[in-house]
Amino acid sequence: MTRISTVATLVVAGALLVACGEKPQTIGGSHAKADTPAYEGAPGDPFVAKGWTPGDKTSWQNQIRERNQYQNEYVRSP
């Protein structure tokens, strides 16, 4: 009985140690850092909205204002 409980303890301890081996989930590649302003954007990104130039705060604010108008039900309804 002691041998079975020792084996069971080792299996549980091994399972707990495996759970601690998770790899960190970080952003890699050419993504912008988290502390950069949103209007800085990703230069060379093919999915940039028309009318917005990365790094220009005014064009960023205009683009956000335009996107928000598409969600305004008073503007969308006839």
PDB file of N, CA and C in Angstrom:
ATOM      1  N   MET A   1       0.819  -1.186   0.000  1.00  0.00           N
ATOM      2  CA  MET A   1       0.000   0.000   0.000  1.00  0.00           C
ATOM      3  C   MET A   1       0.864   1.252   0.000  1.00  0.00           C
ATOM      4  N   THR A   2       1.993   1.232   0.657  1.00  0.00           N
ATOM      5  CA  THR A   2       2.877   2.375   0.730  1.00  0.00           C
ATOM      6  C   THR A   2       3.490   2.658  -0.632  1.00  0.00           C
ATOM      7  N   ARG A   3       3.785   1.620  -1.363  1.00  0.00           N
ATOM      8  CA  ARG A   3       4.381   1.791  -2.685  1.00  0.00           C
ATOM      9  C   ARG A   3       3.387   2.448  -3.645  1.00  0.00           C
ATOM     10  N   ILE A   4       2.127   2.094  -3.565  1.00  0.00           N
ATOM     11  CA  ILE A   4       1.101   2.668  -4.429  1.00  0.00           C
ATOM     12  C   ILE A   4       0.902   4.147  -4.096  1.00  0.00           C
ATOM     13  N   SER A   5       0.898   4.491  -2.812  1.00  0.00           N
ATOM     14  CA  SER A   5       0.720   5.892  -2.451  1.00  0.00           C
ATOM     15  C   SER A   5       1.941   6.723  -2.850  1.00  0.00           C
ATOM     16  N   THR A   6       3.138   6.135  -2.799  1.00  0.00           N
ATOM     17  CA  THR A   6       4.341   6.841  -3.225  1.00  0.00           C
ATOM     18  C   THR A   6       4.309   7.096  -4.718  1.00  0.00           C
ATOM     19  N   VAL A   7       3.884   6.112  -5.492  1.00  0.00           N
ATOM     20  CA  VAL A   7       3.789   6.261  -6.938  1.00  0.00           C
ATOM     21  C   VAL A   7       2.720   7.298  -7.286  1.00  0.00           C
ATOM     22  N   ALA A   8       1.602   7.258  -6.583  1.00  0.00           N
ATOM     23  CA  ALA A   8       0.534   8.225  -6.832  1.00  0.00           C
ATOM     24  C   ALA A   8       0.998   9.638  -6.498  1.00  0.00           C
ATOM     25  N   THR A   9       1.756   9.791  -5.431  1.00  0.00           N
ATOM     26  CA  THR A   9       2.290  11.098  -5.054  1.00  0.00           C
ATOM     27  C   THR A   9       3.248  11.613  -6.115  1.00  0.00           C
ATOM     28  N   LEU A  10       4.107  10.736  -6.645  1.00  0.00           N
ATOM     29  CA  LEU A  10       5.045  11.131  -7.690  1.00  0.00           C
ATOM     30  C   LEU A  10       4.325  11.523  -8.978  1.00  0.00           C
ATOM     31  N   VAL A  11       3.258  10.815  -9.301  1.00  0.00           N
ATOM     32  CA  VAL A  11       2.484  11.140 -10.504  1.00  0.00           C
ATOM     33  C   VAL A  11       1.817  12.503 -10.348  1.00  0.00           C
ATOM     34  N   VAL A  12       1.230  12.766  -9.204  1.00  0.00           N
ATOM     35  CA  VAL A  12       0.588  14.058  -8.960  1.00  0.00           C
ATOM     36  C   VAL A  12       1.621  15.171  -8.973  1.00  0.00           C
ATOM     37  N   ALA A  13       2.768  14.964  -8.350  1.00  0.00           N
ATOM     38  CA  ALA A  13       3.825  15.976  -8.331  1.00  0.00           C
ATOM     39  C   ALA A  13       4.337  16.235  -9.752  1.00  0.00           C
ATOM     40  N   GLY A  14       4.470  15.189 -10.539  1.00  0.00           N
ATOM     41  CA  GLY A  14       4.903  15.351 -11.934  1.00  0.00           C
ATOM     42  C   GLY A  14       3.882  16.120 -12.743  1.00  0.00           C
ATOM     43  N   ALA A  15       2.610  15.868 -12.532  1.00  0.00           N
ATOM     44  CA  ALA A  15       1.562  16.594 -13.260  1.00  0.00           C
ATOM     45  C   ALA A  15       1.564  18.069 -12.879  1.00  0.00           C
ATOM     46  N   LEU A  16       1.808  18.382 -11.621  1.00  0.00           N
ATOM     47  CA  LEU A  16       1.861  19.778 -11.193  1.00  0.00           C
ATOM     48  C   LEU A  16       3.063  20.497 -11.786  1.00  0.00           C
ATOM     49  N   LEU A  17       4.192  19.793 -11.877  1.00  0.00           N
ATOM     50  CA  LEU A  17       5.383  20.409 -12.464  1.00  0.00           C
ATOM     51  C   LEU A  17       5.224  20.646 -13.957  1.00  0.00           C
ATOM     52  N   VAL A  18       4.522  19.777 -14.637  1.00  0.00           N
ATOM     53  CA  VAL A  18       4.271  19.968 -16.064  1.00  0.00           C
ATOM     54  C   VAL A  18       3.392  21.188 -16.283  1.00  0.00           C
ATOM     55  N   ALA A  19       2.453  21.420 -15.383  1.00  0.00           N
ATOM     56  CA  ALA A  19       1.564  22.577 -15.518  1.00  0.00           C
ATOM     57  C   ALA A  19       2.331  23.885 -15.340  1.00  0.00           C
ATOM     58  N   CYS A  20       3.449  23.865 -14.665  1.00  0.00           N
ATOM     59  CA  CYS A  20       4.242  25.083 -14.457  1.00  0.00           C
ATOM     60  C   CYS A  20       5.141  25.393 -15.646  1.00  0.00           C
ATOM     61  N   GLY A  21       5.191  24.533 -16.625  1.00  0.00           N
ATOM     62  CA  GLY A  21       6.094  24.712 -17.747  1.00  0.00           C
ATOM     63  C   GLY A  21       5.500  25.474 -18.912  1.00  0.00           C
ATOM     64  N   GLU A  22       4.494  26.309 -18.691  1.00  0.00           N
ATOM     65  CA  GLU A  22       3.883  27.050 -19.788  1.00  0.00           C
ATOM     66  C   GLU A  22       4.835  28.112 -20.312  1.00  0.00           C
ATOM     67  N   LYS A  23       4.896  28.231 -21.623  1.00  0.00           N
ATOM     68  CA  LYS A  23       5.769  29.212 -22.249  1.00  0.00           C
ATOM     69  C   LYS A  23       5.123  30.597 -22.160  1.00  0.00           C
ATOM     70  N   PRO A  24       5.922  31.650 -22.025  1.00  0.00           N
ATOM     71  CA  PRO A  24       5.347  32.994 -21.978  1.00  0.00           C
ATOM     72  C   PRO A  24       4.735  33.374 -23.322  1.00  0.00           C
ATOM     73  N   GLN A  25       3.599  34.051 -23.283  1.00  0.00           N
ATOM     74  CA  GLN A  25       2.904  34.460 -24.492  1.00  0.00           C
ATOM     75  C   GLN A  25       3.176  35.940 -24.727  1.00  0.00           C
ATOM     76  N   THR A  26       4.166  36.216 -25.556  1.00  0.00           N
ATOM     77  CA  THR A  26       4.542  37.595 -25.824  1.00  0.00           C
ATOM     78  C   THR A  26       4.330  37.909 -27.290  1.00  0.00           C
ATOM     79  N   ILE A  27       4.193  39.176 -27.570  1.00  0.00           N
ATOM     80  CA  ILE A  27       4.045  39.618 -28.951  1.00  0.00           C
ATOM     81  C   ILE A  27       5.425  39.649 -29.572  1.00  0.00           C
ATOM     82  N   GLY A  28       5.572  38.989 -30.678  1.00  0.00           N
ATOM     83  CA  GLY A  28       6.869  38.974 -31.337  1.00  0.00           C
ATOM     84  C   GLY A  28       6.786  39.633 -32.696  1.00  0.00           C
ATOM     85  N   GLY A  29       7.890  39.688 -33.363  1.00  0.00           N
ATOM     86  CA  GLY A  29       7.903  40.245 -34.709  1.00  0.00           C
ATOM     87  C   GLY A  29       7.985  41.745 -34.714  1.00  0.00           C
ATOM     88  N   SER A  30       7.341  42.365 -35.695  1.00  0.00           N
ATOM     89  CA  SER A  30       7.457  43.808 -35.884  1.00  0.00           C
ATOM     90  C   SER A  30       6.269  44.580 -35.326  1.00  0.00           C
ATOM     91  N   HIS A  31       5.613  44.037 -34.324  1.00  0.00           N
ATOM     92  CA  HIS A  31       4.466  44.727 -33.729  1.00  0.00           C
ATOM     93  C   HIS A  31       4.934  45.925 -32.914  1.00  0.00           C
ATOM     94  N   ALA A  32       4.090  46.899 -32.804  1.00  0.00           N
ATOM     95  CA  ALA A  32       4.403  48.076 -32.005  1.00  0.00           C
ATOM     96  C   ALA A  32       4.398  47.716 -30.526  1.00  0.00           C
ATOM     97  N   LYS A  33       5.208  48.396 -29.759  1.00  0.00           N
ATOM     98  CA  LYS A  33       5.245  48.158 -28.326  1.00  0.00           C
ATOM     99  C   LYS A  33       3.945  48.650 -27.691  1.00  0.00           C
ATOM    100  N   ALA A  34       3.632  48.127 -26.531  1.00  0.00           N
ATOM    101  CA  ALA A  34       2.375  48.465 -25.866  1.00  0.00           C
ATOM    102  C   ALA A  34       2.351  49.902 -25.364  1.00  0.00           C
ATOM    103  N   ASP A  35       3.523  50.518 -25.188  1.00  0.00           N
ATOM    104  CA  ASP A  35       3.536  51.862 -24.643  1.00  0.00           C
ATOM    105  C   ASP A  35       3.570  52.944 -25.723  1.00  0.00           C
ATOM    106  N   THR A  36       3.472  52.566 -26.977  1.00  0.00           N
ATOM    107  CA  THR A  36       3.415  53.566 -28.038  1.00  0.00           C
ATOM    108  C   THR A  36       1.973  54.011 -28.238  1.00  0.00           C
ATOM    109  N   PRO A  37       1.752  55.250 -28.619  1.00  0.00           N
ATOM    110  CA  PRO A  37       0.388  55.714 -28.859  1.00  0.00           C
ATOM    111  C   PRO A  37      -0.249  54.949 -30.029  1.00  0.00           C
ATOM    112  N   ALA A  38      -1.559  54.820 -29.991  1.00  0.00           N
ATOM    113  CA  ALA A  38      -2.267  54.056 -31.018  1.00  0.00           C
ATOM    114  C   ALA A  38      -2.122  54.691 -32.393  1.00  0.00           C
ATOM    115  N   TYR A  39      -2.019  56.015 -32.464  1.00  0.00           N
ATOM    116  CA  TYR A  39      -1.930  56.676 -33.757  1.00  0.00           C
ATOM    117  C   TYR A  39      -0.584  56.467 -34.440  1.00  0.00           C
ATOM    118  N   GLU A  40       0.408  55.923 -33.723  1.00  0.00           N
ATOM    119  CA  GLU A  40       1.694  55.619 -34.354  1.00  0.00           C
ATOM    120  C   GLU A  40       1.534  54.464 -35.345  1.00  0.00           C
ATOM    121  N   GLY A  41       0.702  53.501 -35.008  1.00  0.00           N
ATOM    122  CA  GLY A  41       0.373  52.422 -35.919  1.00  0.00           C
ATOM    123  C   GLY A  41       1.528  51.525 -36.277  1.00  0.00           C
ATOM    124  N   ALA A  42       1.302  50.727 -37.302  1.00  0.00           N
ATOM    125  CA  ALA A  42       2.306  49.803 -37.798  1.00  0.00           C
ATOM    126  C   ALA A  42       2.696  50.228 -39.205  1.00  0.00           C
ATOM    127  N   PRO A  43       3.859  50.805 -39.390  1.00  0.00           N
ATOM    128  CA  PRO A  43       4.245  51.243 -40.724  1.00  0.00           C
ATOM    129  C   PRO A  43       4.380  50.058 -41.673  1.00  0.00           C
ATOM    130  N   GLY A  44       3.880  50.226 -42.864  1.00  0.00           N
ATOM    131  CA  GLY A  44       3.948  49.156 -43.856  1.00  0.00           C
ATOM    132  C   GLY A  44       2.853  48.124 -43.711  1.00  0.00           C
ATOM    133  N   ASP A  45       1.905  48.342 -42.834  1.00  0.00           N
ATOM    134  CA  ASP A  45       0.812  47.398 -42.645  1.00  0.00           C
ATOM    135  C   ASP A  45      -0.137  47.492 -43.830  1.00  0.00           C
ATOM    136  N   PRO A  46      -0.427  46.372 -44.522  1.00  0.00           N
ATOM    137  CA  PRO A  46      -1.309  46.437 -45.687  1.00  0.00           C
ATOM    138  C   PRO A  46      -2.773  46.651 -45.338  1.00  0.00           C
ATOM    139  N   PHE A  47      -3.131  46.554 -44.069  1.00  0.00           N
ATOM    140  CA  PHE A  47      -4.527  46.672 -43.660  1.00  0.00           C
ATOM    141  C   PHE A  47      -4.849  48.037 -43.070  1.00  0.00           C
ATOM    142  N   VAL A  48      -4.045  49.027 -43.359  1.00  0.00           N
ATOM    143  CA  VAL A  48      -4.277  50.380 -42.850  1.00  0.00           C
ATOM    144  C   VAL A  48      -5.477  50.975 -43.588  1.00  0.00           C
ATOM    145  N   ALA A  49      -6.368  51.612 -42.835  1.00  0.00           N
ATOM    146  CA  ALA A  49      -7.563  52.216 -43.423  1.00  0.00           C
ATOM    147  C   ALA A  49      -7.180  53.404 -44.293  1.00  0.00           C
ATOM    148  N   LYS A  50      -7.933  53.598 -45.369  1.00  0.00           N
ATOM    149  CA  LYS A  50      -7.669  54.730 -46.253  1.00  0.00           C
ATOM    150  C   LYS A  50      -7.992  56.029 -45.533  1.00  0.00           C
ATOM    151  N   GLY A  51      -7.185  57.040 -45.747  1.00  0.00           N
ATOM    152  CA  GLY A  51      -7.396  58.320 -45.095  1.00  0.00           C
ATOM    153  C   GLY A  51      -6.634  58.457 -43.794  1.00  0.00           C
ATOM    154  N   TRP A  52      -5.887  57.428 -43.419  1.00  0.00           N
ATOM    155  CA  TRP A  52      -5.113  57.503 -42.192  1.00  0.00           C
ATOM    156  C   TRP A  52      -3.653  57.263 -42.513  1.00  0.00           C
ATOM    157  N   THR A  53      -2.816  58.167 -42.072  1.00  0.00           N
ATOM    158  CA  THR A  53      -1.376  57.995 -42.249  1.00  0.00           C
ATOM    159  C   THR A  53      -0.773  57.699 -40.886  1.00  0.00           C
ATOM    160  N   PRO A  54      -0.038  56.602 -40.757  1.00  0.00           N
ATOM    161  CA  PRO A  54       0.554  56.257 -39.463  1.00  0.00           C
ATOM    162  C   PRO A  54       1.451  57.381 -38.939  1.00  0.00           C
ATOM    163  N   GLY A  55       1.265  57.724 -37.693  1.00  0.00           N
ATOM    164  CA  GLY A  55       2.046  58.760 -37.048  1.00  0.00           C
ATOM    165  C   GLY A  55       1.365  60.114 -37.012  1.00  0.00           C
ATOM    166  N   ASP A  56       0.270  60.281 -37.750  1.00  0.00           N
ATOM    167  CA  ASP A  56      -0.446  61.556 -37.780  1.00  0.00           C
ATOM    168  C   ASP A  56      -1.644  61.465 -36.838  1.00  0.00           C
ATOM    169  N   LYS A  57      -1.581  62.175 -35.729  1.00  0.00           N
ATOM    170  CA  LYS A  57      -2.626  62.084 -34.705  1.00  0.00           C
ATOM    171  C   LYS A  57      -3.955  62.631 -35.200  1.00  0.00           C
ATOM    172  N   THR A  58      -3.921  63.684 -35.992  1.00  0.00           N
ATOM    173  CA  THR A  58      -5.165  64.284 -36.486  1.00  0.00           C
ATOM    174  C   THR A  58      -5.894  63.339 -37.430  1.00  0.00           C
ATOM    175  N   SER A  59      -5.160  62.709 -38.343  1.00  0.00           N
ATOM    176  CA  SER A  59      -5.822  61.768 -39.251  1.00  0.00           C
ATOM    177  C   SER A  59      -6.336  60.548 -38.497  1.00  0.00           C
ATOM    178  N   TRP A  60      -5.641  60.156 -37.418  1.00  0.00           N
ATOM    179  CA  TRP A  60      -6.106  59.049 -36.580  1.00  0.00           C
ATOM    180  C   TRP A  60      -7.441  59.406 -35.929  1.00  0.00           C
ATOM    181  N   GLN A  61      -7.542  60.608 -35.365  1.00  0.00           N
ATOM    182  CA  GLN A  61      -8.774  61.028 -34.716  1.00  0.00           C
ATOM    183  C   GLN A  61      -9.916  61.154 -35.718  1.00  0.00           C
ATOM    184  N   ASN A  62      -9.631  61.648 -36.909  1.00  0.00           N
ATOM    185  CA  ASN A  62     -10.668  61.738 -37.940  1.00  0.00           C
ATOM    186  C   ASN A  62     -11.152  60.355 -38.353  1.00  0.00           C
ATOM    187  N   GLN A  63     -10.233  59.406 -38.474  1.00  0.00           N
ATOM    188  CA  GLN A  63     -10.603  58.043 -38.862  1.00  0.00           C
ATOM    189  C   GLN A  63     -11.467  57.393 -37.787  1.00  0.00           C
ATOM    190  N   ILE A  64     -11.117  57.579 -36.522  1.00  0.00           N
ATOM    191  CA  ILE A  64     -11.914  57.022 -35.425  1.00  0.00           C
ATOM    192  C   ILE A  64     -13.297  57.656 -35.395  1.00  0.00           C
ATOM    193  N   ARG A  65     -13.364  58.967 -35.593  1.00  0.00           N
ATOM    194  CA  ARG A  65     -14.652  59.663 -35.620  1.00  0.00           C
ATOM    195  C   ARG A  65     -15.522  59.118 -36.753  1.00  0.00           C
ATOM    196  N   GLU A  66     -14.923  58.879 -37.913  1.00  0.00           N
ATOM    197  CA  GLU A  66     -15.666  58.344 -39.056  1.00  0.00           C
ATOM    198  C   GLU A  66     -16.161  56.926 -38.772  1.00  0.00           C
ATOM    199  N   ARG A  67     -15.329  56.092 -38.158  1.00  0.00           N
ATOM    200  CA  ARG A  67     -15.749  54.733 -37.804  1.00  0.00           C
ATOM    201  C   ARG A  67     -16.893  54.753 -36.801  1.00  0.00           C
ATOM    202  N   ASN A  68     -16.821  55.667 -35.855  1.00  0.00           N
ATOM    203  CA  ASN A  68     -17.885  55.751 -34.856  1.00  0.00           C
ATOM    204  C   ASN A  68     -19.204  56.177 -35.480  1.00  0.00           C
ATOM    205  N   GLN A  69     -19.168  56.976 -36.514  1.00  0.00           N
ATOM    206  CA  GLN A  69     -20.402  57.400 -37.172  1.00  0.00           C
ATOM    207  C   GLN A  69     -21.103  56.224 -37.843  1.00  0.00           C
ATOM    208  N   TYR A  70     -20.353  55.205 -38.260  1.00  0.00           N
ATOM    209  CA  TYR A  70     -20.980  54.013 -38.840  1.00  0.00           C
ATOM    210  C   TYR A  70     -21.746  53.219 -37.787  1.00  0.00           C
ATOM    211  N   GLN A  71     -21.451  53.433 -36.517  1.00  0.00           N
ATOM    212  CA  GLN A  71     -22.156  52.741 -35.448  1.00  0.00           C
ATOM    213  C   GLN A  71     -23.295  53.562 -34.877  1.00  0.00           C
ATOM    214  N   ASN A  72     -23.455  54.776 -35.334  1.00  0.00           N
ATOM    215  CA  ASN A  72     -24.513  55.658 -34.844  1.00  0.00           C
ATOM    216  C   ASN A  72     -25.802  55.331 -35.587  1.00  0.00           C
ATOM    217  N   GLU A  73     -26.799  54.845 -34.865  1.00  0.00           N
ATOM    218  CA  GLU A  73     -28.061  54.416 -35.483  1.00  0.00           C
ATOM    219  C   GLU A  73     -28.846  55.595 -36.080  1.00  0.00           C
ATOM    220  N   TYR A  74     -28.689  56.774 -35.527  1.00  0.00           N
ATOM    221  CA  TYR A  74     -29.398  57.931 -36.065  1.00  0.00           C
ATOM    222  C   TYR A  74     -28.863  58.323 -37.432  1.00  0.00           C
ATOM    223  N   VAL A  75     -27.598  58.123 -37.665  1.00  0.00           N
ATOM    224  CA  VAL A  75     -27.000  58.445 -38.957  1.00  0.00           C
ATOM    225  C   VAL A  75     -27.324  57.342 -39.979  1.00  0.00           C
ATOM    226  N   ARG A  76     -27.348  56.097 -39.538  1.00  0.00           N
ATOM    227  CA  ARG A  76     -27.540  54.959 -40.447  1.00  0.00           C
ATOM    228  C   ARG A  76     -28.984  54.795 -40.888  1.00  0.00           C
ATOM    229  N   SER A  77     -29.934  55.089 -40.049  1.00  0.00           N
ATOM    230  CA  SER A  77     -31.333  54.852 -40.398  1.00  0.00           C
ATOM    231  C   SER A  77     -31.847  55.940 -41.340  1.00  0.00           C
ATOM    232  N   PRO A  78     -32.745  55.557 -42.291  1.00  0.00           N
ATOM    233  CA  PRO A  78     -33.243  56.531 -43.271  1.00  0.00           C
ATOM    234  C   PRO A  78     -34.189  57.549 -42.695  1.00  0.00           C
TER     235      PRO A  78
END
